[in-house]
Structures are given as C-alpha cells and as structure tokens.
C-alpha cells in the first residue's frame, strides 16, 4: 500500500465562531471519520493546522501568513494508506470538511531512497 495525504480546504468564515457545543460536535465528527479509517488499519497520521505562521520566499523574505484576506484556508491533513489514488479518494467520503462545503485534496506521498 502507498501513502496518500488528504489536505482539508475550507472557505474562511471570519464572522462565524462556533459555540462550545458546536465545537464538541465537530470534534466528535472528525474522530468518528478518522476512527473509521483507523479501524481499517489505513490511518498513518493527522494534524490540524493553526492560524499562526509565516512564509519564507526563495530570496529569504519572511512575511506573515496564512493571510486573513485569503478566502480559502488549509485546516489540516491526514495521511492514509491506500492501494491507489482512487482507493484514497474513496476514503475521503464522509469527511466532515465535505459536509461543511469544503474540499479534500488527495495527493500521493513520494518516497525517496536516501
């Protein structure tokens, strides 16, 4: 099996702050979805991404980011094991990001022999 990364993209909604009860429900949704993948022995790793960061250019210029003015944000990722790209895409079914109107980008993880 190969490893694939699913990158979770959503539109930033600055004026929408979920209540603690809504946050708890969202966390449970993510845990259930990831638990389904883990139960199949196909879970490798996952992380959510925060809002603090900077971008470094090739010229060494450091700028603040991720940018608030961007409409789309990357909220996190999961790495899964799958037989091929189609199999990995199938694993994205039921992802909470999709239910919130977001997107899941599925990419193969390249392995380099060093």
Protein backbone atom coordinates (compact mmCIF):
# COMPACT_ATOMS: atom_id res chain seq x y z
CA UNK A 1 0.00 0.00 0.00
CA UNK A 2 1.09 3.55 -0.73
CA UNK A 3 0.64 6.59 1.47
CA UNK A 4 -1.63 9.44 0.43
CA UNK A 5 -2.20 12.82 2.04
CA UNK A 6 -5.62 14.40 2.22
CA UNK A 7 -5.46 18.17 2.61
CA UNK A 8 -8.58 19.81 4.02
CA UNK A 9 -9.55 23.12 2.40
CA UNK A 10 -12.39 25.36 3.51
CA UNK A 11 -13.53 28.91 2.96
CA UNK A 12 -12.65 31.16 5.83
CA UNK A 13 -15.75 32.48 7.58
CA UNK A 14 -14.48 35.17 9.92
CA UNK A 15 -17.82 36.14 11.39
CA UNK A 16 -18.79 32.58 12.34
CA UNK A 17 -17.50 31.38 15.69
CA UNK A 18 -18.93 28.03 16.74
CA UNK A 19 -20.27 27.61 20.26
CA UNK A 20 -18.51 25.17 22.61
CA UNK A 21 -21.33 22.66 21.98
CA UNK A 22 -20.91 23.02 18.20
CA UNK A 23 -17.11 22.61 18.53
CA UNK A 24 -17.63 19.45 20.58
CA UNK A 25 -19.94 18.06 17.89
CA UNK A 26 -17.40 18.89 15.15
CA UNK A 27 -14.58 17.20 17.05
CA UNK A 28 -16.74 14.10 17.50
CA UNK A 29 -17.49 14.07 13.75
CA UNK A 30 -13.78 14.18 12.91
CA UNK A 31 -12.97 11.49 15.50
CA UNK A 32 -15.66 9.21 14.05
CA UNK A 33 -14.46 9.67 10.47
CA UNK A 34 -10.78 9.17 11.34
CA UNK A 35 -11.73 6.24 13.59
CA UNK A 36 -13.38 4.54 10.61
CA UNK A 37 -10.14 4.82 8.63
CA UNK A 38 -8.06 3.66 11.62
CA UNK A 39 -10.34 0.64 12.13
CA UNK A 40 -9.40 -0.46 8.60
CA UNK A 41 -5.68 -0.26 9.50
CA UNK A 42 -5.18 2.56 6.99
CA UNK A 43 -4.51 5.52 9.29
CA UNK A 44 -0.95 6.89 9.39
CA UNK A 45 -1.08 10.40 10.93
CA UNK A 46 -3.13 13.58 11.15
CA UNK A 47 -2.90 17.14 12.44
CA UNK A 48 -4.97 20.28 12.42
CA UNK A 49 -3.20 23.48 11.43
CA UNK A 50 -3.36 26.66 13.48
CA UNK A 51 -3.69 30.22 12.23
CA UNK A 52 -0.21 31.40 13.19
CA UNK A 53 2.53 31.14 10.59
CA UNK A 54 4.93 32.86 8.23
CA UNK A 55 6.02 32.34 4.64
CA UNK A 56 9.68 32.31 3.61
CA UNK A 57 10.48 33.19 -0.02
CA UNK A 58 13.43 31.98 -2.09
CA UNK A 59 15.01 35.40 -1.54
CA UNK A 60 14.84 34.95 2.24
CA UNK A 61 11.98 37.38 2.71
CA UNK A 62 9.78 36.38 5.63
CA UNK A 63 6.15 37.54 5.59
CA UNK A 64 3.20 36.91 7.83
CA UNK A 65 0.72 34.23 6.87
CA UNK A 66 -1.58 32.46 6.44
CA UNK A 67 -3.25 35.55 5.14
CA UNK A 68 -6.57 36.69 6.57
CA UNK A 69 -7.63 38.11 3.21
CA UNK A 70 -7.48 34.69 1.56
CA UNK A 71 -10.86 33.09 1.04
CA UNK A 72 -9.63 29.52 1.29
CA UNK A 73 -7.64 28.09 4.18
CA UNK A 74 -5.97 24.76 4.76
CA UNK A 75 -7.28 23.45 8.06
CA UNK A 76 -5.28 20.26 8.39
CA UNK A 77 -4.39 16.94 6.85
CA UNK A 78 -4.44 13.20 7.28
CA UNK A 79 -2.07 10.60 5.85
CA UNK A 80 -3.66 7.29 4.94
CA UNK A 81 -2.63 4.01 3.32
CA UNK A 82 -4.40 3.06 0.11
CA UNK A 83 -3.87 0.76 -2.87
CA UNK A 84 -4.06 3.63 -5.39
CA UNK A 85 -5.35 7.16 -5.85
CA UNK A 86 -8.93 6.05 -6.46
CA UNK A 87 -8.87 4.00 -3.27
CA UNK A 88 -7.56 7.02 -1.32
CA UNK A 89 -10.24 9.28 -2.83
CA UNK A 90 -12.88 6.76 -1.71
CA UNK A 91 -11.55 7.07 1.87
CA UNK A 92 -12.35 10.80 1.76
CA UNK A 93 -16.08 10.01 1.62
CA UNK A 94 -17.75 11.18 4.81
CA UNK A 95 -15.01 13.71 5.62
CA UNK A 96 -16.51 16.48 7.79
CA UNK A 97 -14.88 19.12 5.56
CA UNK A 98 -17.06 17.98 2.67
CA UNK A 99 -20.20 18.33 4.79
CA UNK A 100 -19.16 21.91 5.57
CA UNK A 101 -18.86 22.76 1.86
CA UNK A 102 -15.08 22.40 1.77
CA UNK A 103 -12.75 20.33 -0.39
CA UNK A 104 -10.38 17.43 0.17
CA UNK A 105 -7.25 17.42 -1.98
CA UNK A 106 -5.82 13.89 -2.23
CA UNK A 107 -2.13 13.55 -3.15
CA UNK A 108 0.27 10.64 -3.25
CA UNK A 109 3.26 10.82 -0.91
CA UNK A 110 6.54 10.42 -2.76
CA UNK A 111 9.17 8.27 -1.09
CA UNK A 112 12.85 8.96 -1.78
CA UNK A 113 15.58 6.43 -1.09
CA UNK A 114 18.43 8.17 0.71
